[in-house]
Amino acid sequence: MKAGTPRLLRGINDRAALDVLLEQGPLSRTRLGELTGLSKPTAGQLLSRLEQDGLVVSVGSTEGGRGPRAQLYAINPRAALVAGLDVTSSRVLAAVADITGRVVGEHELPTPRRPRPDVEAHVEQAVAGACAAAGLTTDQVRHLVIGTPGALDPRTRRLRYARHLPGWHDPELLPRLADAFGHPVQVENDVNLAAVAERKVGAAREVDDFLLLWADEGLGAALVIDGRLHRGATGGAGEVGFLPLPGTPLRRDVRRGNAGGFQELAGGRQVLALARSLGLRASTPAGAVAAALTTPGPGDELIDQLAERFAVGIAAMVAVVDPALVILTGGVLVAGGSRLRDAIDVELGSLAAAHPTVALSGVEGDPVLSGALHTALGLARDEVFDTVRHPITTSGDARHVSRRSP
C-alpha cells in the first residue's frame, strides 16, 4: 500500500459523507452508513472527527420507535459563508449564504449616477450590508462571486460588452477586490450565472445540454454543453445581441455601436417601439408585454410578432448547438409567461430542423444572484470539504484563505 493512501481514503469518505449530509441530512450514524456504504464503526468515527473539526453538528435525535433514540447529525451551517452579487448599472443586489445554501442576509444598494462610482467601495458596501442583515462581518465570507453584464476576457482580464458599467473595465480590479476582502473574488457573466441557477434549482436540473435566452433591455444567452458552461475563447460566447439575422440591417463595427442584428430585432427598445406602434403604452419592455396579455387585438399582435422575432434568433443558435432544452428568462420573456413561450415554441418548430423543449425559467427570485451564490458555494464546499488538502477552518476561526484573484 502506498504511503498516504489511508489518509486519502479517509478524505474520500469524509467528502462522500458530507455530500450525503448536505443533500439528505440530518441523518443518524446508521443511516449515513447505509447511504455511503460505510460500516457503523467507520461512520461513527467519521462523524466524531468531523464534529470535532466543526464540519458537522448534532441536531437532536430520532423520535418514536421502540428502540433507543439515535443521534442525528447535519452539516454545520457556519462551516463557511459565501456572498453573491448581481450588478447592474442602476443597483447592486447582494446576498450571503451559509454552507448549506440557506440565504441569511440580503442588501440592495443603488448605484449613483454621478460621480462615477468607486467600484471597490461600492462592492464592499453591498457585501457589508448583506452581512449586517445576517449579524455577520465581511471577514467571515469565504468566497465572493459577482455577476455583471458583459464578459470577462480571460486573456486581458478586462470586462467586455458592457460599456454601460463604468469603473468595471480595469484589468487590476479583481486583484484589488481580492486584496480588499482577503478572500477569492470571481466575476462571471450574469446570464451564465442564470444558467447555473437553472441547472441547480430550476428548469435544467439533470439536463446536460441546454441554451438559455435572456431578454430584457438587452439580449444575452448562455450555453451549457456536457454539463459545463461554454464561455468561448474571449468569454464572449452568448453575446447574441450581435447575431446577424435575416430581416435586420447588416450592422458593421458592432463593437463600437455595441449592438447587432438580434438586438435591433428583439431588444428592449425595439419591444417598446413595437408595442407603441400597436397602441400599447408602457414604461418598460416587460411592462409592455404584460399589458399585451390583457389587451385583445393589439396585445395578440405584439405577442405574435415577438414570438416570431425571438424564434428567428433561437433557431440560428439551435442550428449550431442542437440543445435538448431552451430556457426563456429575463424580464420580457418572464412577463410573457406561458402564452409567449407557447407562441415561440410554435414558431421555432417551423423555423428549426431540431426542435428542443422550450421552457420558462424555473428559478424563484433573482436568477443571477442565485447563480452567483451557487457558484460560490461550489468553490467553498470543494475547499472546506476537502479534509486531505486543506486544513479545516470554520467561518468563526480567525484564519482565512490566502488572498488571491481567481
Protein backbone atom coordinates (compact mmCIF):
# COMPACT_ATOMS: atom_id res chain seq x y z
CA MET A 1 0.00 0.00 0.00
CA LYS A 2 1.39 3.40 -0.94
CA ALA A 3 2.21 5.86 1.82
CA GLY A 4 -0.61 8.26 2.44
CA THR A 5 -3.32 6.01 0.98
CA PRO A 6 -5.26 5.62 4.29
CA ARG A 7 -5.37 9.42 4.60
CA LEU A 8 -6.59 9.73 1.03
CA LEU A 9 -9.32 7.12 1.60
CA ARG A 10 -10.36 8.91 4.77
CA GLY A 11 -10.64 12.14 2.81
CA ILE A 12 -12.77 10.43 0.14
CA ASN A 13 -15.06 9.01 2.83
CA ASP A 14 -15.29 12.42 4.50
CA ARG A 15 -16.36 14.11 1.28
CA ALA A 16 -18.89 11.39 0.45
CA ALA A 17 -20.43 11.67 3.92
CA LEU A 18 -20.52 15.46 3.83
CA ASP A 19 -22.20 15.45 0.42
CA VAL A 20 -24.85 12.99 1.63
CA LEU A 21 -25.48 15.05 4.75
CA LEU A 22 -25.78 18.15 2.60
CA GLU A 23 -28.35 16.54 0.32
CA GLN A 24 -30.31 14.38 2.77
CA GLY A 25 -29.44 15.37 6.31
CA PRO A 26 -30.00 15.32 9.20
CA LEU A 27 -29.03 11.64 9.41
CA SER A 28 -28.21 9.10 12.08
CA ARG A 29 -24.91 7.24 12.10
CA THR A 30 -26.68 4.09 10.91
CA ARG A 31 -28.48 5.82 8.04
CA LEU A 32 -25.33 7.62 6.96
CA GLY A 33 -23.52 4.28 6.86
CA GLU A 34 -26.26 2.79 4.70
CA LEU A 35 -26.16 5.67 2.21
CA THR A 36 -22.37 5.78 1.93
CA GLY A 37 -21.59 2.06 2.25
CA LEU A 38 -19.54 2.65 5.41
CA SER A 39 -19.73 0.32 8.40
CA LYS A 40 -21.31 1.59 11.61
CA PRO A 41 -17.95 1.88 13.43
CA THR A 42 -16.39 3.73 10.48
CA ALA A 43 -19.38 6.07 10.14
CA GLY A 44 -19.26 6.73 13.86
CA GLN A 45 -15.55 7.56 13.82
CA LEU A 46 -16.03 9.77 10.78
CA LEU A 47 -18.86 11.73 12.40
CA SER A 48 -16.92 12.18 15.63
CA ARG A 49 -13.93 13.52 13.71
CA LEU A 50 -16.00 15.86 11.54
CA GLU A 51 -17.92 17.10 14.58
CA GLN A 52 -14.68 17.84 16.40
CA ASP A 53 -13.39 19.72 13.35
CA GLY A 54 -16.53 21.85 13.15
CA LEU A 55 -17.97 20.48 9.90
CA VAL A 56 -20.96 18.65 11.36
CA VAL A 57 -23.13 19.28 14.40
CA SER A 58 -25.51 17.19 16.46
CA VAL A 59 -29.09 18.36 15.91
CA GLY A 60 -31.10 16.14 18.21
CA SER A 61 -32.26 12.55 17.99
CA THR A 62 -34.77 10.37 16.21
CA GLU A 63 -38.30 10.22 17.58
CA GLY A 64 -40.69 7.31 18.10
CA GLY A 65 -39.97 3.61 17.76
CA ARG A 66 -39.33 1.04 20.47
CA GLY A 67 -35.56 1.09 20.46
CA PRO A 68 -33.15 3.71 21.79
CA ARG A 69 -33.15 7.05 20.05
CA ALA A 70 -30.36 7.66 17.56
CA GLN A 71 -28.35 10.86 17.47
CA LEU A 72 -28.86 12.94 14.31
CA TYR A 73 -26.11 14.87 12.55
CA ALA A 74 -26.15 17.68 9.99
CA ILE A 75 -23.72 19.97 8.21
CA ASN A 76 -22.61 22.86 10.42
CA PRO A 77 -24.17 25.85 8.59
CA ARG A 78 -21.38 28.17 9.74
CA ALA A 79 -18.58 25.93 8.46
CA ALA A 80 -18.29 28.51 5.67
CA LEU A 81 -20.14 31.56 4.40
CA VAL A 82 -20.26 32.87 0.83
CA ALA A 83 -21.52 36.00 -0.88
CA GLY A 84 -23.01 36.71 -4.29
CA LEU A 85 -23.67 39.96 -6.15
CA ASP A 86 -25.91 40.85 -9.08
CA VAL A 87 -24.51 44.07 -10.54
CA THR A 88 -26.35 46.33 -12.99
CA SER A 89 -25.78 49.94 -13.99
CA SER A 90 -28.52 51.05 -11.56
CA ARG A 91 -28.03 48.86 -8.49
CA VAL A 92 -26.09 46.11 -6.74
CA LEU A 93 -28.04 43.27 -5.12
CA ALA A 94 -26.02 41.28 -2.57
CA ALA A 95 -26.73 38.14 -0.57
CA VAL A 96 -24.86 35.98 1.92
CA ALA A 97 -25.49 32.23 2.32
CA ASP A 98 -24.20 29.61 4.71
CA ILE A 99 -22.55 26.39 3.51
CA THR A 100 -25.94 24.62 3.27
CA GLY A 101 -27.11 27.21 0.73
CA ARG A 102 -29.54 28.98 3.05
CA VAL A 103 -29.59 32.73 2.39
CA VAL A 104 -29.02 34.51 5.70
CA GLY A 105 -28.77 38.14 4.61
CA GLU A 106 -29.58 40.39 1.63
CA HIS A 107 -28.98 44.03 0.75
CA GLU A 108 -29.72 46.25 -2.22
CA LEU A 109 -27.54 49.27 -2.95
CA PRO A 110 -28.43 51.84 -5.62
CA THR A 111 -25.59 52.92 -7.92
CA PRO A 112 -25.10 56.69 -8.00
CA ARG A 113 -25.15 58.16 -11.49
CA ARG A 114 -22.64 60.83 -10.52
CA PRO A 115 -19.92 60.92 -9.54
CA ARG A 116 -18.50 57.79 -11.15
CA PRO A 117 -18.83 55.01 -8.54
CA ASP A 118 -15.80 53.69 -6.69
CA VAL A 119 -16.30 50.02 -7.59
CA GLU A 120 -14.27 48.57 -4.73
CA ALA A 121 -16.04 50.68 -2.12
CA HIS A 122 -19.43 50.02 -3.73
CA VAL A 123 -18.92 46.24 -3.73
CA GLU A 124 -17.62 46.27 -0.17
CA GLN A 125 -20.58 48.35 0.98
CA ALA A 126 -23.05 45.96 -0.69
CA VAL A 127 -21.48 42.86 0.87
CA ALA A 128 -21.22 44.58 4.25
CA GLY A 129 -24.93 45.41 4.08
CA ALA A 130 -25.88 41.78 3.40
CA CYS A 131 -23.57 40.60 6.18
CA ALA A 132 -25.01 43.14 8.62
CA ALA A 133 -28.52 41.89 7.82
CA ALA A 134 -27.34 38.45 8.96
CA GLY A 135 -25.43 39.69 12.01
CA LEU A 136 -22.10 38.90 10.35
CA THR A 137 -18.98 40.72 9.21
CA THR A 138 -17.37 40.62 5.77
CA ASP A 139 -14.23 38.87 7.06
CA GLN A 140 -16.38 35.78 7.71
CA VAL A 141 -17.16 35.37 3.99
CA ARG A 142 -15.00 32.79 2.27
CA HIS A 143 -15.85 33.31 -1.42
CA LEU A 144 -17.44 36.13 -3.37
CA VAL A 145 -18.91 35.70 -6.87
CA ILE A 146 -20.08 38.75 -8.82
CA GLY A 147 -22.47 38.66 -11.77
CA THR A 148 -22.18 41.52 -14.27
CA PRO A 149 -23.38 42.25 -17.79
CA GLY A 150 -20.75 41.55 -20.42
CA ALA A 151 -17.93 39.03 -20.14
CA LEU A 152 -14.53 38.96 -18.52
CA ASP A 153 -11.87 38.30 -21.17
CA PRO A 154 -9.52 35.71 -19.62
CA ARG A 155 -6.60 36.99 -21.70
CA THR A 156 -6.79 40.68 -20.81
CA ARG A 157 -8.80 40.48 -17.55
CA ARG A 158 -10.96 43.27 -18.93
CA LEU A 159 -14.75 43.33 -18.92
CA ARG A 160 -16.08 43.36 -22.48
CA TYR A 161 -19.55 44.03 -23.97
CA ALA A 162 -20.60 46.19 -21.01
CA ARG A 163 -19.78 49.77 -21.84
CA HIS A 164 -22.69 50.94 -19.67
CA LEU A 165 -20.97 49.68 -16.50
CA PRO A 166 -18.45 52.41 -15.58
CA GLY A 167 -15.47 51.53 -13.41
CA TRP A 168 -15.56 47.78 -14.10
CA HIS A 169 -13.13 47.65 -17.04
CA ASP A 170 -9.85 47.97 -15.15
CA PRO A 171 -7.78 44.75 -15.51
CA GLU A 172 -6.43 45.27 -11.96
CA LEU A 173 -9.90 45.45 -10.42
CA LEU A 174 -10.17 41.77 -9.45
CA PRO A 175 -6.81 41.60 -7.64
CA ARG A 176 -7.70 44.79 -5.78
CA LEU A 177 -11.09 43.39 -4.77
CA ALA A 178 -9.48 40.15 -3.60
CA ASP A 179 -6.92 42.09 -1.57
CA ALA A 180 -9.61 44.30 -0.07
CA PHE A 181 -11.74 41.33 1.01
CA GLY A 182 -8.96 38.94 1.91
CA HIS A 183 -10.60 36.05 0.05
CA PRO A 184 -11.12 34.91 -3.56
CA VAL A 185 -13.32 37.00 -5.85
CA GLN A 186 -14.73 35.78 -9.17
CA VAL A 187 -16.56 37.81 -11.81
CA GLU A 188 -18.92 35.95 -14.16
CA ASN A 189 -21.34 36.95 -16.89
CA ASP A 190 -24.81 37.48 -15.43
CA VAL A 191 -26.61 35.30 -17.98
CA ASN A 192 -24.11 32.48 -17.40
CA LEU A 193 -24.94 32.66 -13.71
CA ALA A 194 -28.65 32.47 -14.52
CA ALA A 195 -27.87 29.22 -16.37
CA VAL A 196 -26.00 27.91 -13.31
CA ALA A 197 -29.09 28.60 -11.22
CA GLU A 198 -31.35 26.84 -13.74
CA ARG A 199 -29.19 23.72 -13.61
CA LYS A 200 -29.02 23.72 -9.80
CA VAL A 201 -32.58 24.62 -8.82
CA GLY A 202 -34.52 25.50 -11.97
CA ALA A 203 -35.76 24.09 -15.26
CA ALA A 204 -32.46 22.47 -16.34
CA ARG A 205 -31.88 20.09 -13.45
CA GLU A 206 -30.37 16.85 -14.82
CA VAL A 207 -30.09 18.43 -18.30
CA ASP A 208 -26.54 18.45 -19.67
CA ASP A 209 -27.10 20.34 -22.92
CA PHE A 210 -29.25 23.45 -22.91
CA LEU A 211 -29.48 27.00 -24.14
CA LEU A 212 -30.74 29.89 -22.02
CA LEU A 213 -32.02 33.08 -23.64
CA TRP A 214 -32.29 36.24 -21.54
CA ALA A 215 -34.38 39.13 -22.88
CA ASP A 216 -34.93 42.43 -21.13
CA GLU A 217 -33.37 45.77 -22.05
CA GLY A 218 -30.62 43.74 -23.72
CA LEU A 219 -30.33 40.20 -25.05
CA GLY A 220 -27.96 37.51 -23.86
CA ALA A 221 -27.61 33.76 -23.95
CA ALA A 222 -25.79 31.05 -22.03
CA LEU A 223 -24.79 27.69 -23.41
CA VAL A 224 -24.22 24.56 -21.33
CA ILE A 225 -22.61 21.61 -23.13
CA ASP A 226 -21.98 18.28 -21.40
CA GLY A 227 -22.89 19.93 -18.12
CA ARG A 228 -20.33 22.72 -18.43
CA LEU A 229 -20.73 26.39 -19.26
CA HIS A 230 -19.23 27.27 -22.62
CA ARG A 231 -17.66 30.73 -22.33
CA GLY A 232 -15.65 30.93 -25.56
CA ALA A 233 -12.05 32.00 -26.17
CA THR A 234 -12.63 35.59 -25.01
CA GLY A 235 -15.54 34.97 -22.65
CA GLY A 236 -17.98 36.26 -25.26
CA ALA A 237 -19.98 33.11 -26.02
CA GLY A 238 -23.66 34.01 -25.68
CA GLU A 239 -23.39 37.68 -26.66
CA VAL A 240 -26.23 37.02 -29.08
CA GLY A 241 -27.31 40.63 -29.36
CA PHE A 242 -24.57 40.87 -32.02
CA LEU A 243 -26.01 37.96 -34.01
CA PRO A 244 -26.72 38.98 -37.66
CA LEU A 245 -30.22 37.87 -38.61
CA PRO A 246 -32.44 38.00 -41.69
CA GLY A 247 -34.85 40.89 -41.69
CA THR A 248 -32.44 43.25 -39.92
CA PRO A 249 -29.92 45.70 -41.38
CA LEU A 250 -26.40 44.32 -41.51
CA ARG A 251 -24.56 46.13 -38.74
CA ARG A 252 -20.83 46.74 -39.08
CA ASP A 253 -18.43 47.97 -36.39
CA VAL A 254 -20.66 46.25 -33.86
CA ARG A 255 -18.15 46.71 -31.05
CA ARG A 256 -18.34 50.46 -31.49
CA GLY A 257 -22.13 50.52 -31.68
CA ASN A 258 -22.50 47.79 -29.01
CA ALA A 259 -25.46 46.26 -30.87
CA GLY A 260 -26.17 43.86 -33.69
CA GLY A 261 -28.99 42.28 -35.66
CA PHE A 262 -30.75 40.33 -32.91
CA GLN A 263 -30.62 43.28 -30.52
CA GLU A 264 -32.09 45.52 -33.22
CA LEU A 265 -34.83 42.95 -33.80
CA ALA A 266 -35.86 41.98 -30.26
CA GLY A 267 -34.02 44.18 -27.76
CA GLY A 268 -35.87 46.15 -25.12
CA ARG A 269 -36.02 49.38 -27.10
CA GLN A 270 -37.48 47.53 -30.09
CA VAL A 271 -40.08 45.78 -27.92
CA LEU A 272 -41.25 49.15 -26.60
CA ALA A 273 -41.30 50.69 -30.08
CA LEU A 274 -43.35 47.80 -31.45
CA ALA A 275 -45.79 47.98 -28.54
CA ARG A 276 -46.30 51.71 -29.00
CA SER A 277 -46.84 51.27 -32.72
CA LEU A 278 -49.72 48.96 -31.80
CA GLY A 279 -51.19 51.43 -29.32
CA LEU A 280 -49.88 49.77 -26.15
CA ARG A 281 -48.35 52.13 -23.59
CA ALA A 282 -45.80 51.07 -21.00
CA SER A 283 -42.61 52.44 -19.45
CA THR A 284 -40.58 49.21 -19.71
CA PRO A 285 -40.34 46.37 -22.23
CA ALA A 286 -41.57 43.87 -19.64
CA GLY A 287 -44.47 46.18 -18.81
CA ALA A 288 -45.43 46.33 -22.48
CA VAL A 289 -45.53 42.53 -22.73
CA ALA A 290 -47.55 42.25 -19.52
CA ALA A 291 -50.04 44.78 -20.90
CA ALA A 292 -50.33 42.77 -24.12
CA LEU A 293 -51.60 39.74 -22.22
CA THR A 294 -54.69 41.67 -21.11
CA THR A 295 -55.30 43.63 -24.32
CA PRO A 296 -57.01 41.59 -27.05
CA GLY A 297 -56.23 42.63 -30.59
CA PRO A 298 -53.10 44.81 -30.27
CA GLY A 299 -51.83 42.60 -27.47
CA ASP A 300 -52.28 39.46 -29.56
CA GLU A 301 -50.38 41.11 -32.40
CA LEU A 302 -47.48 42.04 -30.11
CA ILE A 303 -47.20 38.51 -28.74
CA ASP A 304 -47.27 37.00 -32.24
CA GLN A 305 -44.63 39.39 -33.60
CA LEU A 306 -42.35 38.95 -30.61
CA ALA A 307 -42.66 35.17 -30.83
CA GLU A 308 -41.51 35.30 -34.45
CA ARG A 309 -38.61 37.63 -33.66
CA PHE A 310 -37.34 35.59 -30.74
CA ALA A 311 -37.77 32.32 -32.63
CA VAL A 312 -35.62 33.62 -35.51
CA GLY A 313 -32.72 34.22 -33.13
CA ILE A 314 -33.22 30.96 -31.24
CA ALA A 315 -33.41 28.98 -34.50
CA ALA A 316 -29.99 30.32 -35.53
CA MET A 317 -28.49 29.15 -32.24
CA VAL A 318 -30.27 25.80 -32.25
CA ALA A 319 -28.93 25.05 -35.74
CA VAL A 320 -25.38 25.26 -34.36
CA VAL A 321 -25.58 23.61 -30.94
CA ASP A 322 -28.73 21.38 -31.05
CA PRO A 323 -29.61 21.66 -27.34
CA ALA A 324 -32.12 19.41 -25.60
CA LEU A 325 -33.73 22.38 -23.88
CA VAL A 326 -34.18 26.11 -24.43
CA ILE A 327 -34.94 28.16 -21.30
CA LEU A 328 -36.59 31.57 -21.61
CA THR A 329 -35.87 34.14 -18.90
CA GLY A 330 -35.32 37.85 -18.31
CA GLY A 331 -38.00 40.48 -17.77
CA VAL A 332 -39.58 40.38 -21.24
CA LEU A 333 -39.82 36.61 -21.57
CA VAL A 334 -40.93 36.07 -17.98
CA ALA A 335 -43.62 38.73 -18.40
CA GLY A 336 -44.90 36.91 -21.48
CA GLY A 337 -45.30 33.72 -19.46
CA SER A 338 -46.64 30.52 -20.94
CA ARG A 339 -48.50 32.35 -23.69
CA LEU A 340 -45.37 33.87 -25.22
CA ARG A 341 -43.47 30.64 -24.56
CA ASP A 342 -46.05 28.59 -26.45
CA ALA A 343 -46.04 31.03 -29.37
CA ILE A 344 -42.22 30.91 -29.55
CA ASP A 345 -42.34 27.12 -29.43
CA VAL A 346 -44.71 27.00 -32.41
CA GLU A 347 -42.55 29.42 -34.44
CA LEU A 348 -39.36 27.55 -33.55
CA GLY A 349 -40.91 24.27 -34.67
CA SER A 350 -41.42 25.83 -38.08
CA LEU A 351 -38.00 27.51 -38.38
CA ALA A 352 -35.58 24.95 -36.88
CA ALA A 353 -34.77 21.44 -38.07
CA ALA A 354 -34.18 20.36 -34.47
CA HIS A 355 -36.98 21.06 -32.02
CA PRO A 356 -35.78 21.25 -28.41
CA THR A 357 -38.11 21.57 -25.45
CA VAL A 358 -38.89 25.22 -24.73
CA ALA A 359 -39.43 26.10 -21.06
CA LEU A 360 -39.76 29.15 -18.86
CA SER A 361 -37.27 29.79 -16.07
CA GLY A 362 -37.79 27.62 -13.02
CA VAL A 363 -35.73 29.76 -10.63
CA GLU A 364 -37.51 31.69 -7.90
CA GLY A 365 -36.22 35.15 -7.10
CA ASP A 366 -33.21 36.74 -8.80
CA PRO A 367 -31.61 34.07 -11.06
CA VAL A 368 -28.28 35.92 -11.39
CA LEU A 369 -27.90 36.24 -7.63
CA SER A 370 -28.91 32.60 -7.19
CA GLY A 371 -26.30 31.51 -9.72
CA ALA A 372 -23.63 33.63 -8.04
CA LEU A 373 -24.36 32.04 -4.67
CA HIS A 374 -24.39 28.51 -6.10
CA THR A 375 -21.06 29.14 -7.83
CA ALA A 376 -19.54 30.48 -4.62
CA LEU A 377 -20.98 27.54 -2.67
CA GLY A 378 -19.38 25.06 -5.09
CA LEU A 379 -15.99 26.70 -4.60
CA ALA A 380 -16.35 26.86 -0.82
CA ARG A 381 -17.55 23.28 -0.47
CA ASP A 382 -14.69 21.94 -2.60
CA GLU A 383 -12.32 23.79 -0.31
CA VAL A 384 -13.89 23.19 3.08
CA PHE A 385 -14.98 19.59 2.48
CA ASP A 386 -11.54 18.55 1.21
CA THR A 387 -10.10 17.35 4.51
CA VAL A 388 -6.97 15.96 2.83
CA ARG A 389 -5.51 19.00 1.07
CA HIS A 390 -6.99 21.84 3.14
CA PRO A 391 -6.90 22.38 6.90
CA ILE A 392 -10.38 22.78 8.29
CA THR A 393 -11.20 26.38 9.25
CA THR A 394 -14.74 27.47 10.03
CA SER A 395 -16.05 30.95 9.42
CA GLY A 396 -15.71 31.77 13.09
CA ASP A 397 -11.99 30.97 13.02
CA ALA A 398 -9.52 33.84 12.87
CA ARG A 399 -7.69 32.25 9.94
CA HIS A 400 -8.62 32.95 6.32
CA VAL A 401 -7.77 31.58 2.93
CA SER A 402 -4.90 33.29 1.16
CA ARG A 403 -5.58 36.45 -0.83
CA ARG A 404 -5.63 35.73 -4.50
CA SER A 405 -7.51 36.59 -7.65
CA PRO A 406 -9.40 33.74 -9.35
